C-alpha atoms as a PDB file:
ATOM      1  CA  MET A   1      57.556 132.262   6.689  1.00  0.00           C
ATOM      2  CA  ILE A   2      60.144 131.746   9.356  1.00  0.00           C
ATOM      3  CA  THR A   3      58.564 128.208  10.211  1.00  0.00           C
ATOM      4  CA  VAL A   4      58.169 127.011   6.675  1.00  0.00           C
ATOM      5  CA  TYR A   5      61.930 127.814   6.107  1.00  0.00           C
ATOM      6  CA  LEU A   6      62.926 126.009   9.070  1.00  0.00           C
ATOM      7  CA  LEU A   7      60.941 122.902   8.315  1.00  0.00           C
ATOM      8  CA  LEU A   8      62.750 122.577   5.006  1.00  0.00           C
ATOM      9  CA  SER A   9      66.276 123.439   6.512  1.00  0.00           C
ATOM     10  CA  LEU A  10      68.596 120.884   7.608  1.00  0.00           C
ATOM     11  CA  THR A  11      69.691 122.608  11.070  1.00  0.00           C
ATOM     12  CA  ILE A  12      68.004 124.867  13.759  1.00  0.00           C
ATOM     13  CA  SER A  13      69.537 127.459  15.350  1.00  0.00           C
ATOM     14  CA  LYS A  14      69.322 127.932  19.095  1.00  0.00           C
ATOM     15  CA  LYS A  15      67.755 131.377  18.405  1.00  0.00           C
ATOM     16  CA  ALA A  16      65.310 130.183  16.195  1.00  0.00           C
ATOM     17  CA  LYS A  17      64.544 126.992  18.428  1.00  0.00           C
ATOM     18  CA  GLY A  18      63.925 129.303  21.335  1.00  0.00           C
ATOM     19  CA  LYS A  19      61.561 131.360  19.562  1.00  0.00           C
ATOM     20  CA  LEU A  20      59.333 128.528  17.952  1.00  0.00           C
ATOM     21  CA  GLN A  21      59.375 127.220  21.611  1.00  0.00           C
ATOM     22  CA  GLN A  22      57.982 130.396  23.014  1.00  0.00           C
ATOM     23  CA  ILE A  23      55.262 130.397  20.065  1.00  0.00           C
ATOM     24  CA  GLN A  24      54.163 126.977  20.893  1.00  0.00           C
ATOM     25  CA  ARG A  25      54.225 127.658  24.595  1.00  0.00           C
ATOM     26  CA  ALA A  26      51.653 130.485  24.171  1.00  0.00           C
ATOM     27  CA  TYR A  27      48.890 128.209  22.666  1.00  0.00           C
ATOM     28  CA  LEU A  28      49.924 125.549  25.023  1.00  0.00           C
ATOM     29  CA  ILE A  29      49.189 127.425  27.892  1.00  0.00           C
ATOM     30  CA  PHE A  30      45.958 128.749  26.311  1.00  0.00           C
ATOM     31  CA  ILE A  31      44.783 125.106  25.472  1.00  0.00           C
ATOM     32  CA  THR A  32      45.803 123.826  29.088  1.00  0.00           C
ATOM     33  CA  LYS A  33      44.755 127.084  30.926  1.00  0.00           C
ATOM     34  CA  ALA A  34      47.900 126.250  33.006  1.00  0.00           C
ATOM     35  CA  TYR A  35      49.850 128.781  34.988  1.00  0.00           C
ATOM     36  CA  LYS A  36      52.789 130.776  32.877  1.00  0.00           C
ATOM     37  CA  THR A  37      55.195 129.032  35.506  1.00  0.00           C
ATOM     38  CA  VAL A  38      54.624 125.308  34.061  1.00  0.00           C
ATOM     39  CA  SER A  39      57.406 124.158  32.094  1.00  0.00           C
ATOM     40  CA  ASN A  40      57.291 123.432  28.406  1.00  0.00           C
ATOM     41  CA  GLU A  41      57.710 119.439  28.802  1.00  0.00           C
ATOM     42  CA  ALA A  42      54.724 119.399  31.192  1.00  0.00           C
ATOM     43  CA  LEU A  43      52.678 121.822  29.074  1.00  0.00           C
ATOM     44  CA  SER A  44      53.188 119.260  26.052  1.00  0.00           C
ATOM     45  CA  ALA A  45      52.452 116.213  28.392  1.00  0.00           C
ATOM     46  CA  ILE A  46      49.202 117.603  29.642  1.00  0.00           C
ATOM     47  CA  ALA A  47      48.140 119.081  26.145  1.00  0.00           C
ATOM     48  CA  GLY A  48      49.054 115.543  24.461  1.00  0.00           C
ATOM     49  CA  ILE A  49      51.176 117.597  21.752  1.00  0.00           C
ATOM     50  CA  MET A  50      54.570 116.720  20.713  1.00  0.00           C
ATOM     51  CA  PRO A  51      57.283 119.658  21.487  1.00  0.00           C
ATOM     52  CA  ILE A  52      58.114 121.400  18.521  1.00  0.00           C
ATOM     53  CA  GLU A  53      61.473 120.765  17.850  1.00  0.00           C
ATOM     54  CA  GLN A  54      61.016 117.021  18.229  1.00  0.00           C
ATOM     55  CA  ALA A  55      58.030 117.289  15.634  1.00  0.00           C
ATOM     56  CA  MET A  56      60.475 119.146  13.174  1.00  0.00           C
ATOM     57  CA  GLN A  57      63.281 116.529  13.637  1.00  0.00           C
ATOM     58  CA  LEU A  58      60.814 113.751  13.064  1.00  0.00           C
ATOM     59  CA  TYR A  59      59.231 115.474   9.882  1.00  0.00           C
ATOM     60  CA  LYS A  60      62.699 115.859   8.500  1.00  0.00           C
ATOM     61  CA  ASP A  61      63.830 112.313   9.361  1.00  0.00           C
ATOM     62  CA  LYS A  62      60.803 110.977   7.525  1.00  0.00           C
ATOM     63  CA  ARG A  63      61.374 113.173   4.546  1.00  0.00           C
ATOM     64  CA  ALA A  64      64.766 112.347   4.118  1.00  0.00           C
ATOM     65  CA  ILE A  65      64.196 108.528   4.436  1.00  0.00           C
ATOM     66  CA  SER A  66      60.977 108.781   1.881  1.00  0.00           C
ATOM     67  CA  ARG A  67      63.533 110.189  -0.528  1.00  0.00           C
ATOM     68  CA  GLY A  68      66.285 107.514  -0.001  1.00  0.00           C
ATOM     69  CA  LYS A  69      68.555 109.974   1.722  1.00  0.00           C
ATOM     70  CA  PRO A  70      70.679 109.421   4.922  1.00  0.00           C
ATOM     71  CA  THR A  71      69.637 110.620   8.318  1.00  0.00           C
ATOM     72  CA  ASN A  72      70.664 111.093  11.737  1.00  0.00           C
ATOM     73  CA  ALA A  73      67.595 109.433  13.230  1.00  0.00           C
ATOM     74  CA  VAL A  74      68.304 108.339  16.737  1.00  0.00           C
ATOM     75  CA  ILE A  75      65.127 106.166  16.509  1.00  0.00           C
ATOM     76  CA  THR A  76      66.492 102.842  15.857  1.00  0.00           C
ATOM     77  CA  ASP A  77      63.007 101.581  14.022  1.00  0.00           C
ATOM     78  CA  LEU A  78      62.937 104.792  11.916  1.00  0.00           C
ATOM     79  CA  THR A  79      65.901 103.615  10.015  1.00  0.00           C
ATOM     80  CA  TYR A  80      64.031 100.665   8.661  1.00  0.00           C
ATOM     81  CA  VAL A  81      60.953 102.750   7.475  1.00  0.00           C
ATOM     82  CA  GLU A  82      59.938 101.559   3.723  1.00  0.00           C
ATOM     83  CA  THR A  83      61.603 103.519   1.146  1.00  0.00           C
ATOM     84  CA  PRO A  84      59.568 103.927  -2.224  1.00  0.00           C
ATOM     85  CA  ILE A  85      60.503 101.704  -4.993  1.00  0.00           C
ATOM     86  CA  LYS A  86      59.381 101.168  -8.581  1.00  0.00           C
ATOM     87  CA  ASN A  87      58.893  98.554 -11.027  1.00  0.00           C
ATOM     88  CA  ARG A  88      61.371  99.496 -13.533  1.00  0.00           C
ATOM     89  CA  ASP A  89      62.074  96.532 -15.757  1.00  0.00           C
ATOM     90  CA  ILE A  90      58.677  95.518 -16.792  1.00  0.00           C
ATOM     91  CA  HIS A  91      57.270  96.771 -20.222  1.00  0.00           C
ATOM     92  CA  PRO A  92      54.419  99.017 -19.902  1.00  0.00           C
ATOM     93  CA  LYS A  93      51.864  96.729 -21.772  1.00  0.00           C
ATOM     94  CA  ASP A  94      52.895  93.769 -19.390  1.00  0.00           C
ATOM     95  CA  ASN A  95      52.753  96.078 -16.168  1.00  0.00           C
ATOM     96  CA  TYR A  96      49.185  95.285 -14.819  1.00  0.00           C
ATOM     97  CA  VAL A  97      47.568  93.006 -12.573  1.00  0.00           C
ATOM     98  CA  THR A  98      43.835  92.384 -12.441  1.00  0.00           C
ATOM     99  CA  VAL A  99      41.765  91.827  -9.230  1.00  0.00           C
ATOM    100  CA  ASP A 100      38.164  91.111  -8.674  1.00  0.00           C
ATOM    101  CA  LEU A 101      36.257  93.173  -6.075  1.00  0.00           C
ATOM    102  CA  SER A 102      32.927  91.754  -6.366  1.00  0.00           C
ATOM    103  CA  GLY A 103      32.907  89.842  -3.115  1.00  0.00           C
ATOM    104  CA  ALA A 104      32.776  86.585  -4.657  1.00  0.00           C
ATOM    105  CA  GLU A 105      34.939  83.913  -3.380  1.00  0.00           C
ATOM    106  CA  GLY A 106      37.696  82.704  -6.164  1.00  0.00           C
ATOM    107  CA  LYS A 107      37.848  79.055  -6.634  1.00  0.00           C
ATOM    108  CA  ALA A 108      40.895  77.384  -8.568  1.00  0.00           C
ATOM    109  CA  SER A 109      43.299  74.107  -8.547  1.00  0.00           C
ATOM    110  CA  ALA A 110      44.538  75.918  -5.447  1.00  0.00           C
ATOM    111  CA  THR A 111      42.715  78.452  -3.279  1.00  0.00           C
ATOM    112  CA  ILE A 112      44.729  80.588  -0.867  1.00  0.00           C
ATOM    113  CA  TYR A 113      43.362  82.816   1.707  1.00  0.00           C
ATOM    114  CA  THR A 114      45.494  85.403   3.491  1.00  0.00           C
ATOM    115  CA  ASP A 115      44.905  87.581   6.480  1.00  0.00           C
ATOM    116  CA  GLY A 116      46.752  90.290   8.382  1.00  0.00           C
ATOM    117  CA  SER A 117      45.790  91.796  11.871  1.00  0.00           C
ATOM    118  CA  LYS A 118      47.097  93.730  14.680  1.00  0.00           C
ATOM    119  CA  THR A 119      46.374  93.676  18.492  1.00  0.00           C
ATOM    120  CA  GLU A 120      47.543  95.835  21.007  1.00  0.00           C
ATOM    121  CA  ASN A 121      50.999  94.217  21.427  1.00  0.00           C
ATOM    122  CA  HIS A 122      51.153  91.790  18.329  1.00  0.00           C
ATOM    123  CA  VAL A 123      51.255  92.153  14.615  1.00  0.00           C
ATOM    124  CA  GLY A 124      51.076  89.059  12.340  1.00  0.00           C
ATOM    125  CA  ALA A 125      49.952  87.564   8.945  1.00  0.00           C
ATOM    126  CA  SER A 126      49.027  84.024   8.041  1.00  0.00           C
ATOM    127  CA  VAL A 127      48.089  82.228   4.671  1.00  0.00           C
ATOM    128  CA  VAL A 128      46.197  79.015   4.289  1.00  0.00           C
ATOM    129  CA  VAL A 129      46.584  76.809   0.995  1.00  0.00           C
ATOM    130  CA  LEU A 130      43.479  74.702   0.134  1.00  0.00           C
ATOM    131  CA  LYS A 131      43.525  71.932  -2.572  1.00  0.00           C
ATOM    132  CA  ASN A 132      40.424  69.737  -3.190  1.00  0.00           C
ATOM    133  CA  PHE A 133      38.635  71.686   0.075  1.00  0.00           C
ATOM    134  CA  LYS A 134      41.593  70.366   2.327  1.00  0.00           C
ATOM    135  CA  GLU A 135      44.261  72.460   3.953  1.00  0.00           C
ATOM    136  CA  THR A 136      47.638  71.537   2.527  1.00  0.00           C
ATOM    137  CA  HIS A 137      49.685  74.553   3.965  1.00  0.00           C
ATOM    138  CA  ILE A 138      49.156  76.954   6.754  1.00  0.00           C
ATOM    139  CA  ASN A 139      52.020  79.595   7.595  1.00  0.00           C
ATOM    140  CA  THR A 140      52.018  82.450  10.061  1.00  0.00           C
ATOM    141  CA  ALA A 141      54.407  85.339  10.745  1.00  0.00           C
ATOM    142  CA  ARG A 142      55.106  87.702  13.335  1.00  0.00           C
ATOM    143  CA  LEU A 143      55.919  91.097  12.386  1.00  0.00           C
ATOM    144  CA  ASN A 144      57.219  94.290  14.491  1.00  0.00           C
ATOM    145  CA  SER A 145      54.725  95.640  16.715  1.00  0.00           C
ATOM    146  CA  ASP A 146      55.051  99.162  14.828  1.00  0.00           C
ATOM    147  CA  CYS A 147      54.009  97.803  11.397  1.00  0.00           C
ATOM    148  CA  THR A 148      50.266  98.551  10.481  1.00  0.00           C
ATOM    149  CA  ILE A 149      47.486  96.416   9.611  1.00  0.00           C
ATOM    150  CA  PHE A 150      47.862  97.657   5.986  1.00  0.00           C
ATOM    151  CA  GLN A 151      51.450  96.103   6.059  1.00  0.00           C
ATOM    152  CA  ALA A 152      50.594  92.852   7.417  1.00  0.00           C
ATOM    153  CA  GLU A 153      47.597  92.522   4.982  1.00  0.00           C
ATOM    154  CA  LEU A 154      50.434  93.095   1.860  1.00  0.00           C
ATOM    155  CA  TYR A 155      52.977  90.748   3.693  1.00  0.00           C
ATOM    156  CA  GLY A 156      50.236  87.937   3.778  1.00  0.00           C
ATOM    157  CA  THR A 157      49.515  88.433   0.211  1.00  0.00           C
ATOM    158  CA  SER A 158      53.295  88.278  -0.310  1.00  0.00           C
ATOM    159  CA  MET A 159      53.340  84.911   1.471  1.00  0.00           C
ATOM    160  CA  ALA A 160      50.714  83.701  -0.830  1.00  0.00           C
ATOM    161  CA  THR A 161      52.443  84.683  -3.975  1.00  0.00           C
ATOM    162  CA  ILE A 162      55.621  82.715  -2.343  1.00  0.00           C
ATOM    163  CA  GLN A 163      53.533  79.701  -1.304  1.00  0.00           C
ATOM    164  CA  SER A 164      52.183  79.635  -5.021  1.00  0.00           C
ATOM    165  CA  GLN A 165      55.756  79.773  -6.541  1.00  0.00           C
ATOM    166  CA  ARG A 166      57.516  76.850  -4.308  1.00  0.00           C
ATOM    167  CA  ARG A 167      54.502  74.585  -4.998  1.00  0.00           C
ATOM    168  CA  SER A 168      54.474  75.275  -8.928  1.00  0.00           C
ATOM    169  CA  ILE A 169      50.413  75.854  -8.772  1.00  0.00           C
ATOM    170  CA  SER A 170      49.450  76.471 -12.482  1.00  0.00           C
ATOM    171  CA  ALA A 171      45.933  78.128 -11.603  1.00  0.00           C
ATOM    172  CA  CYS A 172      45.661  80.037  -8.374  1.00  0.00           C
ATOM    173  CA  ALA A 173      42.962  81.988  -6.436  1.00  0.00           C
ATOM    174  CA  ILE A 174      44.081  84.241  -3.877  1.00  0.00           C
ATOM    175  CA  ASN A 175      41.407  85.663  -1.111  1.00  0.00           C
ATOM    176  CA  VAL A 176      42.333  88.795   0.289  1.00  0.00           C
ATOM    177  CA  ASP A 177      40.050  90.676   2.798  1.00  0.00           C
ATOM    178  CA  SER A 178      41.783  94.045   2.225  1.00  0.00           C
ATOM    179  CA  LYS A 179      40.595  96.147  -0.439  1.00  0.00           C
ATOM    180  CA  ALA A 180      43.328  98.712   0.067  1.00  0.00           C
ATOM    181  CA  ALA A 181      46.174  96.098  -0.478  1.00  0.00           C
ATOM    182  CA  LEU A 182      44.614  94.600  -3.613  1.00  0.00           C
ATOM    183  CA  LEU A 183      44.189  98.247  -5.071  1.00  0.00           C
ATOM    184  CA  SER A 184      47.780  99.000  -4.121  1.00  0.00           C
ATOM    185  CA  ILE A 185      48.906  95.838  -6.109  1.00  0.00           C
ATOM    186  CA  THR A 186      46.918  97.070  -8.991  1.00  0.00           C
ATOM    187  CA  ASN A 187      48.082 100.461  -9.127  1.00  0.00           C
ATOM    188  CA  LYS A 188      51.054 100.440 -11.237  1.00  0.00           C
ATOM    189  CA  ARG A 189      52.188 104.012 -10.046  1.00  0.00           C
ATOM    190  CA  ILE A 190      52.499 102.834  -6.412  1.00  0.00           C
ATOM    191  CA  THR A 191      55.915 102.873  -4.788  1.00  0.00           C
ATOM    192  CA  HIS A 192      55.124 100.820  -1.540  1.00  0.00           C
ATOM    193  CA  PRO A 193      58.072  98.223  -1.612  1.00  0.00           C
ATOM    194  CA  LEU A 194      55.807  95.275  -0.669  1.00  0.00           C
ATOM    195  CA  ALA A 195      53.087  95.921  -3.148  1.00  0.00           C
ATOM    196  CA  THR A 196      55.717  96.548  -6.012  1.00  0.00           C
ATOM    197  CA  ALA A 197      57.539  93.398  -5.054  1.00  0.00           C
ATOM    198  CA  ILE A 198      53.923  91.415  -4.993  1.00  0.00           C
ATOM    199  CA  ARG A 199      53.426  93.169  -8.307  1.00  0.00           C
ATOM    200  CA  GLU A 200      56.559  92.083 -10.028  1.00  0.00           C
ATOM    201  CA  LYS A 201      56.304  88.537  -8.852  1.00  0.00           C
ATOM    202  CA  ILE A 202      53.020  88.068 -10.031  1.00  0.00           C
ATOM    203  CA  ILE A 203      53.737  89.496 -13.513  1.00  0.00           C
ATOM    204  CA  ASN A 204      56.934  87.336 -13.587  1.00  0.00           C
ATOM    205  CA  LEU A 205      55.119  84.208 -12.621  1.00  0.00           C
ATOM    206  CA  THR A 206      52.482  85.019 -15.337  1.00  0.00           C
ATOM    207  CA  PHE A 207      55.263  84.712 -18.097  1.00  0.00           C
ATOM    208  CA  TRP A 208      55.484  81.185 -17.159  1.00  0.00           C
ATOM    209  CA  SER A 209      51.895  80.344 -17.595  1.00  0.00           C
ATOM    210  CA  ARG A 210      50.684  80.820 -14.113  1.00  0.00           C
ATOM    211  CA  ASN A 211      47.143  81.909 -13.840  1.00  0.00           C
ATOM    212  CA  PHE A 212      46.388  84.055 -10.844  1.00  0.00           C
ATOM    213  CA  THR A 213      43.318  85.446  -9.589  1.00  0.00           C
ATOM    214  CA  PHE A 214      42.891  88.054  -6.804  1.00  0.00           C
ATOM    215  CA  LYS A 215      39.491  88.000  -5.125  1.00  0.00           C
ATOM    216  CA  PHE A 216      38.185  90.503  -2.352  1.00  0.00           C
END
């Protein structure tokens, strides 16, 4: 009960922090089979387990950011964590996007291929536009190394919708190789900012007689 209460609290007293460190130290010594004279920092490093006070602080920061609340995070990139949003200005009857998960390649007056990838040190997304089987546009983007493949795939899909809008393409087949990204776009309850932005753009473009087909 004390642990649960502290996880939900905003501050941790020194006495409670020391007690939690004692509890963690006991099972770290059991895991590592180390001497009792080994420091807490060394035990955490050997076991590969984050110190409990840092884990709690990280939990509180993520919880605050996910709710759009201010945080005292000392990690610079943590302030840029995606905050959940929703499409609030779209009528329920129009709030849908269909995708084809059959695996068949989509063909239209313009065919767009997207991709997102990640290596040990780099994360990127790319988009290729084809018209009459000829490449008319290629665009790549480098993302922050902390981004995930899922984020890269969504960003590539976002680039595809932007290219379709800029080039006034009336019928477009967008081929995406990430099923998770496509399902997040079709889910009207999703709160991921990239997915909701893509969804909103597609629905708005549909009002202007643009025909989009998403293929997996």
